[in-house]
Amino acid sequence: MPLTVHQFPCLEDNYGFLIRDEATGRTACIDTPDAGAILAELKRLDWGLDFILNTHWHPDHAGGNAEIQAATGAKSVGPKEVERLVPVDRVVAHGDQVELGETRFEVIDTGGHTLGHVTFYDAADAVAFVGDTLFALGCGRLFEGTAKQMWSSLQRLSALPDRTTVYCAHEYTASNARFALSVDDDPALQARARQVFDAREQGRPTVPTTMGLEKATNPFLRAPRLAARVGAGGRPDDEAFGAVRAAKDGFKG
């Protein structure tokens, strides 16, 4: 039976995700950006909570763990780095598997935004929870990792099937689109940007996305093709990515 994903906005621009394995009724939340909002959604859905799956240690991803665990008894699962902020019941790393009832998640190393960032990938349902590694038309800032590390992480995600539904943690797509248009004039990107701007004007979310759509239009996944536009022509792919990321960091549009 399939995995149900319940998505809702919280904080200024985060998304919360509650997931349910329909075969068993087992439930989890992906990160804990806003404990109050998550607990309210659980009550509205009349769901319990078995697990918290943390992608990385930042407070807008693990800061609600303690309150939610106290209220629900859920066990926390995440990379070692989360213990910089809160205790973790089960530490996981690349190649580990996490079972939610009959749903099985593969843990993928997607470090770069933080050193130990992970993605939870459900191959059977073609669903990936990518935290702050990959965004719709964007990627996370390199707060701790290097461009080489992040490029490797993005390549691991790019290897997932095109049909994979990608749940990223923030609604950054309109600003990402404005930057993308500044470095790429591809017609597919232009068409997507128009759709993004229209959706946001109407208050509609642009998350989730798909891996195929990101590979076709996301400037960070297309960095080697855009290298000359950001002064990195002829440089290795990871350096071209680093140049695109640096251009985004300084972008004011």
C-alpha atoms as a PDB file:
ATOM      1  CA  MET A   1       0.000   0.000   0.000  1.00  0.00           C
ATOM      2  CA  PRO A   2       1.225   3.531  -0.672  1.00  0.00           C
ATOM      3  CA  LEU A   3       2.776   6.165   1.523  1.00  0.00           C
ATOM      4  CA  THR A   4       0.516   9.130   2.295  1.00  0.00           C
ATOM      5  CA  VAL A   5       2.260  12.509   2.555  1.00  0.00           C
ATOM      6  CA  HIS A   6       0.528  15.408   4.296  1.00  0.00           C
ATOM      7  CA  GLN A   7       2.280  18.727   3.576  1.00  0.00           C
ATOM      8  CA  PHE A   8       1.548  22.030   5.290  1.00  0.00           C
ATOM      9  CA  PRO A   9       3.248  25.444   5.577  1.00  0.00           C
ATOM     10  CA  CYS A  10       4.803  26.580   8.848  1.00  0.00           C
ATOM     11  CA  LEU A  11       7.154  29.260  10.173  1.00  0.00           C
ATOM     12  CA  GLU A  12       7.937  31.894   7.543  1.00  0.00           C
ATOM     13  CA  ASP A  13       8.719  29.679   4.566  1.00  0.00           C
ATOM     14  CA  ASN A  14       9.123  26.088   5.828  1.00  0.00           C
ATOM     15  CA  TYR A  15       7.005  23.088   4.981  1.00  0.00           C
ATOM     16  CA  GLY A  16       6.090  20.409   7.487  1.00  0.00           C
ATOM     17  CA  PHE A  17       5.574  16.830   6.346  1.00  0.00           C
ATOM     18  CA  LEU A  18       3.612  14.116   8.121  1.00  0.00           C
ATOM     19  CA  ILE A  19       3.758  10.699   6.485  1.00  0.00           C
ATOM     20  CA  ARG A  20       1.720   7.544   7.012  1.00  0.00           C
ATOM     21  CA  ASP A  21       2.357   3.983   5.870  1.00  0.00           C
ATOM     22  CA  GLU A  22      -1.139   2.982   4.803  1.00  0.00           C
ATOM     23  CA  ALA A  23      -0.510  -0.741   5.189  1.00  0.00           C
ATOM     24  CA  THR A  24       0.137  -0.453   8.923  1.00  0.00           C
ATOM     25  CA  GLY A  25      -0.912   3.050   9.983  1.00  0.00           C
ATOM     26  CA  ARG A  26       2.603   3.820  11.232  1.00  0.00           C
ATOM     27  CA  THR A  27       3.419   7.528  11.034  1.00  0.00           C
ATOM     28  CA  ALA A  28       6.385   9.890  11.068  1.00  0.00           C
ATOM     29  CA  CYS A  29       7.225  13.526  10.603  1.00  0.00           C
ATOM     30  CA  ILE A  30      10.084  14.715   8.440  1.00  0.00           C
ATOM     31  CA  ASP A  31      12.004  17.215  10.575  1.00  0.00           C
ATOM     32  CA  THR A  32      10.392  19.369  13.271  1.00  0.00           C
ATOM     33  CA  PRO A  33      10.408  22.998  12.118  1.00  0.00           C
ATOM     34  CA  ASP A  34       7.412  24.044  14.236  1.00  0.00           C
ATOM     35  CA  ALA A  35       6.335  21.769  17.080  1.00  0.00           C
ATOM     36  CA  GLY A  36       3.035  23.567  17.647  1.00  0.00           C
ATOM     37  CA  ALA A  37       2.009  23.360  14.006  1.00  0.00           C
ATOM     38  CA  ILE A  38       2.992  19.697  13.755  1.00  0.00           C
ATOM     39  CA  LEU A  39       1.076  18.721  16.891  1.00  0.00           C
ATOM     40  CA  ALA A  40      -1.961  20.652  15.664  1.00  0.00           C
ATOM     41  CA  GLU A  41      -1.881  18.823  12.321  1.00  0.00           C
ATOM     42  CA  LEU A  42      -1.556  15.462  14.067  1.00  0.00           C
ATOM     43  CA  LYS A  43      -4.605  16.261  16.155  1.00  0.00           C
ATOM     44  CA  ARG A  44      -6.579  17.434  13.120  1.00  0.00           C
ATOM     45  CA  LEU A  45      -5.720  14.256  11.204  1.00  0.00           C
ATOM     46  CA  ASP A  46      -6.260  12.096  14.296  1.00  0.00           C
ATOM     47  CA  TRP A  47      -2.852  10.505  13.790  1.00  0.00           C
ATOM     48  CA  GLY A  48      -0.395   9.322  16.398  1.00  0.00           C
ATOM     49  CA  LEU A  49       3.330   9.691  15.771  1.00  0.00           C
ATOM     50  CA  ASP A  50       5.861   6.871  15.813  1.00  0.00           C
ATOM     51  CA  PHE A  51       9.016   8.489  14.446  1.00  0.00           C
ATOM     52  CA  ILE A  52      10.759  11.772  13.724  1.00  0.00           C
ATOM     53  CA  LEU A  53      13.090  11.581  10.718  1.00  0.00           C
ATOM     54  CA  ASN A  54      15.614  14.415  10.854  1.00  0.00           C
ATOM     55  CA  THR A  55      17.575  15.416   7.760  1.00  0.00           C
ATOM     56  CA  HIS A  56      20.083  17.673   9.562  1.00  0.00           C
ATOM     57  CA  TRP A  57      20.747  19.533  12.774  1.00  0.00           C
ATOM     58  CA  HIS A  58      19.580  23.093  12.062  1.00  0.00           C
ATOM     59  CA  PRO A  59      16.998  24.433  14.557  1.00  0.00           C
ATOM     60  CA  ASP A  60      14.307  24.853  11.890  1.00  0.00           C
ATOM     61  CA  HIS A  61      14.641  21.119  11.218  1.00  0.00           C
ATOM     62  CA  ALA A  62      15.299  19.555  14.625  1.00  0.00           C
ATOM     63  CA  GLY A  63      14.358  22.305  17.062  1.00  0.00           C
ATOM     64  CA  GLY A  64      10.902  20.864  17.750  1.00  0.00           C
ATOM     65  CA  ASN A  65      12.088  17.344  18.539  1.00  0.00           C
ATOM     66  CA  ALA A  66      11.937  17.548  22.326  1.00  0.00           C
ATOM     67  CA  GLU A  67       8.442  19.050  22.500  1.00  0.00           C
ATOM     68  CA  ILE A  68       7.028  16.629  19.963  1.00  0.00           C
ATOM     69  CA  GLN A  69       8.639  13.614  21.602  1.00  0.00           C
ATOM     70  CA  ALA A  70       7.305  14.654  25.003  1.00  0.00           C
ATOM     71  CA  ALA A  71       3.797  14.951  23.561  1.00  0.00           C
ATOM     72  CA  THR A  72       3.780  11.807  21.400  1.00  0.00           C
ATOM     73  CA  GLY A  73       6.496   9.409  22.554  1.00  0.00           C
ATOM     74  CA  ALA A  74       7.919   9.314  19.009  1.00  0.00           C
ATOM     75  CA  LYS A  75      11.465   8.024  18.516  1.00  0.00           C
ATOM     76  CA  SER A  76      13.947  10.243  16.684  1.00  0.00           C
ATOM     77  CA  VAL A  77      16.075   9.048  13.769  1.00  0.00           C
ATOM     78  CA  GLY A  78      18.738  11.136  12.109  1.00  0.00           C
ATOM     79  CA  PRO A  79      22.403  11.756  11.365  1.00  0.00           C
ATOM     80  CA  LYS A  80      24.928  12.063  14.199  1.00  0.00           C
ATOM     81  CA  GLU A  81      25.132  15.826  13.755  1.00  0.00           C
ATOM     82  CA  VAL A  82      21.590  16.272  15.110  1.00  0.00           C
ATOM     83  CA  GLU A  83      23.055  15.522  18.544  1.00  0.00           C
ATOM     84  CA  ARG A  84      24.646  18.980  18.386  1.00  0.00           C
ATOM     85  CA  LEU A  85      21.122  20.201  19.121  1.00  0.00           C
ATOM     86  CA  VAL A  86      19.104  17.337  20.665  1.00  0.00           C
ATOM     87  CA  PRO A  87      19.584  13.649  21.540  1.00  0.00           C
ATOM     88  CA  VAL A  88      18.854  11.097  18.806  1.00  0.00           C
ATOM     89  CA  ASP A  89      17.350   7.682  19.536  1.00  0.00           C
ATOM     90  CA  ARG A  90      18.818   6.104  16.392  1.00  0.00           C
ATOM     91  CA  VAL A  91      21.773   7.550  14.498  1.00  0.00           C
ATOM     92  CA  VAL A  92      21.805   6.733  10.777  1.00  0.00           C
ATOM     93  CA  ALA A  93      24.257   7.282   7.933  1.00  0.00           C
ATOM     94  CA  HIS A  94      24.569   6.644   4.208  1.00  0.00           C
ATOM     95  CA  GLY A  95      23.346   3.187   3.191  1.00  0.00           C
ATOM     96  CA  ASP A  96      21.243   2.565   6.300  1.00  0.00           C
ATOM     97  CA  GLN A  97      17.573   1.699   6.012  1.00  0.00           C
ATOM     98  CA  VAL A  98      14.683   3.004   8.090  1.00  0.00           C
ATOM     99  CA  GLU A  99      11.397   1.113   8.177  1.00  0.00           C
ATOM    100  CA  LEU A 100       8.066   2.813   8.732  1.00  0.00           C
ATOM    101  CA  GLY A 101       5.681  -0.114   8.774  1.00  0.00           C
ATOM    102  CA  GLU A 102       6.033  -1.639   5.309  1.00  0.00           C
ATOM    103  CA  THR A 103       7.633   1.512   3.865  1.00  0.00           C
ATOM    104  CA  ARG A 104      11.407   1.306   3.635  1.00  0.00           C
ATOM    105  CA  PHE A 105      13.559   4.415   3.406  1.00  0.00           C
ATOM    106  CA  GLU A 106      17.129   4.386   2.152  1.00  0.00           C
ATOM    107  CA  VAL A 107      19.391   6.908   3.861  1.00  0.00           C
ATOM    108  CA  ILE A 108      21.452   8.859   1.324  1.00  0.00           C
ATOM    109  CA  ASP A 109      24.416  11.063   2.243  1.00  0.00           C
ATOM    110  CA  THR A 110      23.606  14.544   0.953  1.00  0.00           C
ATOM    111  CA  GLY A 111      26.102  16.597   2.921  1.00  0.00           C
ATOM    112  CA  GLY A 112      27.147  20.092   1.902  1.00  0.00           C
ATOM    113  CA  HIS A 113      24.548  22.393   3.442  1.00  0.00           C
ATOM    114  CA  THR A 114      25.677  20.766   6.679  1.00  0.00           C
ATOM    115  CA  LEU A 115      28.379  18.124   6.819  1.00  0.00           C
ATOM    116  CA  GLY A 116      26.118  15.249   7.849  1.00  0.00           C
ATOM    117  CA  HIS A 117      22.893  16.111   6.021  1.00  0.00           C
ATOM    118  CA  VAL A 118      20.924  13.076   4.823  1.00  0.00           C
ATOM    119  CA  THR A 119      17.995  12.367   2.496  1.00  0.00           C
ATOM    120  CA  PHE A 120      15.310   9.758   3.137  1.00  0.00           C
ATOM    121  CA  TYR A 121      14.363   7.939  -0.101  1.00  0.00           C
ATOM    122  CA  ASP A 122      11.436   5.556  -0.523  1.00  0.00           C
ATOM    123  CA  ALA A 123      12.146   3.693  -3.764  1.00  0.00           C
ATOM    124  CA  ALA A 124       8.857   1.783  -3.857  1.00  0.00           C
ATOM    125  CA  ASP A 125       6.810   4.979  -3.865  1.00  0.00           C
ATOM    126  CA  ALA A 126       9.491   7.047  -5.655  1.00  0.00           C
ATOM    127  CA  VAL A 127       9.535   9.703  -2.930  1.00  0.00           C
ATOM    128  CA  ALA A 128      12.541  11.611  -1.545  1.00  0.00           C
ATOM    129  CA  PHE A 129      12.659  13.959   1.435  1.00  0.00           C
ATOM    130  CA  VAL A 130      15.710  16.094   0.714  1.00  0.00           C
ATOM    131  CA  GLY A 131      15.659  18.695   3.493  1.00  0.00           C
ATOM    132  CA  ASP A 132      17.816  21.655   2.486  1.00  0.00           C
ATOM    133  CA  THR A 133      20.066  19.916  -0.046  1.00  0.00           C
ATOM    134  CA  LEU A 134      17.911  20.386  -3.130  1.00  0.00           C
ATOM    135  CA  PHE A 135      15.165  22.964  -3.648  1.00  0.00           C
ATOM    136  CA  ALA A 136      12.794  23.531  -6.525  1.00  0.00           C
ATOM    137  CA  LEU A 137      15.103  25.421  -8.926  1.00  0.00           C
ATOM    138  CA  GLY A 138      17.696  25.735  -6.172  1.00  0.00           C
ATOM    139  CA  CYS A 139      19.972  24.097  -3.622  1.00  0.00           C
ATOM    140  CA  GLY A 140      21.065  24.803  -0.075  1.00  0.00           C
ATOM    141  CA  ARG A 141      23.759  27.244   0.920  1.00  0.00           C
ATOM    142  CA  LEU A 142      27.145  25.769   1.767  1.00  0.00           C
ATOM    143  CA  PHE A 143      27.133  26.581   5.463  1.00  0.00           C
ATOM    144  CA  GLU A 144      29.552  23.789   6.401  1.00  0.00           C
ATOM    145  CA  GLY A 145      30.509  21.731   3.360  1.00  0.00           C
ATOM    146  CA  THR A 146      32.450  22.400   0.192  1.00  0.00           C
ATOM    147  CA  ALA A 147      31.276  22.799  -3.379  1.00  0.00           C
ATOM    148  CA  LYS A 148      32.815  19.412  -4.179  1.00  0.00           C
ATOM    149  CA  GLN A 149      30.863  17.727  -1.372  1.00  0.00           C
ATOM    150  CA  MET A 150      27.592  19.364  -2.361  1.00  0.00           C
ATOM    151  CA  TRP A 151      28.072  18.587  -6.051  1.00  0.00           C
ATOM    152  CA  SER A 152      28.605  14.928  -5.151  1.00  0.00           C
ATOM    153  CA  SER A 153      25.426  14.998  -3.070  1.00  0.00           C
ATOM    154  CA  LEU A 154      23.437  16.536  -5.898  1.00  0.00           C
ATOM    155  CA  GLN A 155      24.769  13.887  -8.243  1.00  0.00           C
ATOM    156  CA  ARG A 156      23.494  11.168  -5.920  1.00  0.00           C
ATOM    157  CA  LEU A 157      20.060  12.749  -6.013  1.00  0.00           C
ATOM    158  CA  SER A 158      20.250  13.185  -9.789  1.00  0.00           C
ATOM    159  CA  ALA A 159      20.771   9.429 -10.080  1.00  0.00           C
ATOM    160  CA  LEU A 160      17.281   8.812  -8.689  1.00  0.00           C
ATOM    161  CA  PRO A 161      14.554   8.071 -11.260  1.00  0.00           C
ATOM    162  CA  ASP A 162      13.116  11.107 -13.037  1.00  0.00           C
ATOM    163  CA  ARG A 163       9.651  10.240 -11.682  1.00  0.00           C
ATOM    164  CA  THR A 164      10.838  10.637  -8.082  1.00  0.00           C
ATOM    165  CA  THR A 165       8.688  13.126  -6.163  1.00  0.00           C
ATOM    166  CA  VAL A 166      10.999  15.484  -4.303  1.00  0.00           C
ATOM    167  CA  TYR A 167       9.850  17.114  -1.075  1.00  0.00           C
ATOM    168  CA  CYS A 168      12.117  20.013  -0.134  1.00  0.00           C
ATOM    169  CA  ALA A 169      11.772  21.918   3.093  1.00  0.00           C
ATOM    170  CA  HIS A 170      11.285  25.540   2.019  1.00  0.00           C
ATOM    171  CA  GLU A 171       9.209  27.643  -0.364  1.00  0.00           C
ATOM    172  CA  TYR A 172      12.091  29.436  -2.075  1.00  0.00           C
ATOM    173  CA  THR A 173      11.102  28.732  -5.667  1.00  0.00           C
ATOM    174  CA  ALA A 174      10.165  32.219  -6.876  1.00  0.00           C
ATOM    175  CA  SER A 175      13.478  33.734  -5.766  1.00  0.00           C
ATOM    176  CA  ASN A 176      15.304  30.687  -7.126  1.00  0.00           C
ATOM    177  CA  ALA A 177      13.553  31.192 -10.467  1.00  0.00           C
ATOM    178  CA  ARG A 178      14.627  34.820 -10.667  1.00  0.00           C
ATOM    179  CA  PHE A 179      18.241  33.801 -10.173  1.00  0.00           C
ATOM    180  CA  ALA A 180      17.960  30.902 -12.619  1.00  0.00           C
ATOM    181  CA  LEU A 181      16.718  33.253 -15.339  1.00  0.00           C
ATOM    182  CA  SER A 182      19.758  35.467 -14.774  1.00  0.00           C
ATOM    183  CA  VAL A 183      22.168  32.685 -15.743  1.00  0.00           C
ATOM    184  CA  ASP A 184      20.128  30.484 -18.086  1.00  0.00           C
ATOM    185  CA  ASP A 185      17.885  31.361 -21.044  1.00  0.00           C
ATOM    186  CA  ASP A 186      16.663  27.831 -21.716  1.00  0.00           C
ATOM    187  CA  PRO A 187      13.026  27.860 -22.980  1.00  0.00           C
ATOM    188  CA  ALA A 188      12.006  25.071 -20.576  1.00  0.00           C
ATOM    189  CA  LEU A 189      13.251  27.156 -17.646  1.00  0.00           C
ATOM    190  CA  GLN A 190      11.427  30.242 -18.902  1.00  0.00           C
ATOM    191  CA  ALA A 191       8.176  28.300 -19.156  1.00  0.00           C
ATOM    192  CA  ARG A 192       8.627  26.847 -15.699  1.00  0.00           C
ATOM    193  CA  ALA A 193       9.432  30.234 -14.197  1.00  0.00           C
ATOM    194  CA  ARG A 194       6.173  31.639 -15.545  1.00  0.00           C
ATOM    195  CA  GLN A 195       4.297  28.770 -13.903  1.00  0.00           C
ATOM    196  CA  VAL A 196       6.132  29.355 -10.615  1.00  0.00           C
ATOM    197  CA  PHE A 197       5.386  33.081 -10.527  1.00  0.00           C
ATOM    198  CA  ASP A 198       1.731  32.416 -11.333  1.00  0.00           C
ATOM    199  CA  ALA A 199       1.459  29.777  -8.612  1.00  0.00           C
ATOM    200  CA  ARG A 200       2.976  32.005  -5.953  1.00  0.00           C
ATOM    201  CA  GLU A 201       0.799  34.981  -6.937  1.00  0.00           C
ATOM    202  CA  GLN A 202      -2.179  32.718  -6.297  1.00  0.00           C
ATOM    203  CA  GLY A 203      -0.750  31.428  -3.017  1.00  0.00           C
ATOM    204  CA  ARG A 204      -0.219  27.906  -4.337  1.00  0.00           C
ATOM    205  CA  PRO A 205       2.828  25.846  -3.278  1.00  0.00           C
ATOM    206  CA  THR A 206       5.563  24.920  -5.728  1.00  0.00           C
ATOM    207  CA  VAL A 207       6.634  21.940  -3.608  1.00  0.00           C
ATOM    208  CA  PRO A 208       6.842  19.038  -4.273  1.00  0.00           C
ATOM    209  CA  THR A 209       8.791  18.885  -7.503  1.00  0.00           C
ATOM    210  CA  THR A 210      10.220  15.944  -9.452  1.00  0.00           C
ATOM    211  CA  MET A 211      13.765  14.872 -10.093  1.00  0.00           C
ATOM    212  CA  GLY A 212      13.201  14.951 -13.838  1.00  0.00           C
ATOM    213  CA  LEU A 213      11.959  18.528 -13.724  1.00  0.00           C
ATOM    214  CA  GLU A 214      14.917  19.612 -11.604  1.00  0.00           C
ATOM    215  CA  LYS A 215      17.440  17.956 -13.906  1.00  0.00           C
ATOM    216  CA  ALA A 216      15.855  19.774 -16.861  1.00  0.00           C
ATOM    217  CA  THR A 217      15.654  23.268 -15.356  1.00  0.00           C
ATOM    218  CA  ASN A 218      17.540  23.642 -12.052  1.00  0.00           C
ATOM    219  CA  PRO A 219      20.692  25.744 -12.650  1.00  0.00           C
ATOM    220  CA  PHE A 220      22.607  23.972  -9.913  1.00  0.00           C
ATOM    221  CA  LEU A 221      22.109  20.569 -11.532  1.00  0.00           C
ATOM    222  CA  ARG A 222      22.905  22.164 -14.926  1.00  0.00           C
ATOM    223  CA  ALA A 223      26.000  23.969 -13.626  1.00  0.00           C
ATOM    224  CA  PRO A 224      28.551  22.487 -16.085  1.00  0.00           C
ATOM    225  CA  ARG A 225      26.452  23.808 -18.999  1.00  0.00           C
ATOM    226  CA  LEU A 226      26.308  27.246 -17.415  1.00  0.00           C
ATOM    227  CA  ALA A 227      29.956  27.503 -16.399  1.00  0.00           C
ATOM    228  CA  ALA A 228      30.907  30.130 -18.980  1.00  0.00           C
ATOM    229  CA  ARG A 229      28.057  32.381 -17.849  1.00  0.00           C
ATOM    230  CA  VAL A 230      29.486  32.545 -14.320  1.00  0.00           C
ATOM    231  CA  GLY A 231      33.163  32.832 -15.272  1.00  0.00           C
ATOM    232  CA  ALA A 232      33.985  29.150 -14.769  1.00  0.00           C
ATOM    233  CA  GLY A 233      34.371  27.970 -18.351  1.00  0.00           C
ATOM    234  CA  GLY A 234      36.705  24.994 -18.709  1.00  0.00           C
ATOM    235  CA  ARG A 235      36.753  24.237 -14.982  1.00  0.00           C
ATOM    236  CA  PRO A 236      35.786  20.871 -13.420  1.00  0.00           C
ATOM    237  CA  ASP A 237      32.093  20.264 -12.820  1.00  0.00           C
ATOM    238  CA  ASP A 238      32.271  20.749  -9.060  1.00  0.00           C
ATOM    239  CA  GLU A 239      34.053  24.079  -9.524  1.00  0.00           C
ATOM    240  CA  ALA A 240      31.457  25.162 -12.061  1.00  0.00           C
ATOM    241  CA  PHE A 241      28.794  24.297  -9.507  1.00  0.00           C
ATOM    242  CA  GLY A 242      30.687  26.298  -6.872  1.00  0.00           C
ATOM    243  CA  ALA A 243      30.727  29.306  -9.191  1.00  0.00           C
ATOM    244  CA  VAL A 244      26.967  29.071  -9.759  1.00  0.00           C
ATOM    245  CA  ARG A 245      26.386  28.725  -6.012  1.00  0.00           C
ATOM    246  CA  ALA A 246      28.592  31.773  -5.346  1.00  0.00           C
ATOM    247  CA  ALA A 247      26.672  33.750  -7.964  1.00  0.00           C
ATOM    248  CA  LYS A 248      23.413  32.894  -6.209  1.00  0.00           C
ATOM    249  CA  ASP A 249      24.857  33.938  -2.845  1.00  0.00           C
ATOM    250  CA  GLY A 250      25.542  37.382  -4.257  1.00  0.00           C
ATOM    251  CA  PHE A 251      22.362  37.686  -6.308  1.00  0.00           C
ATOM    252  CA  LYS A 252      20.134  40.664  -5.429  1.00  0.00           C
ATOM    253  CA  GLY A 253      17.253  40.184  -7.876  1.00  0.00           C
END
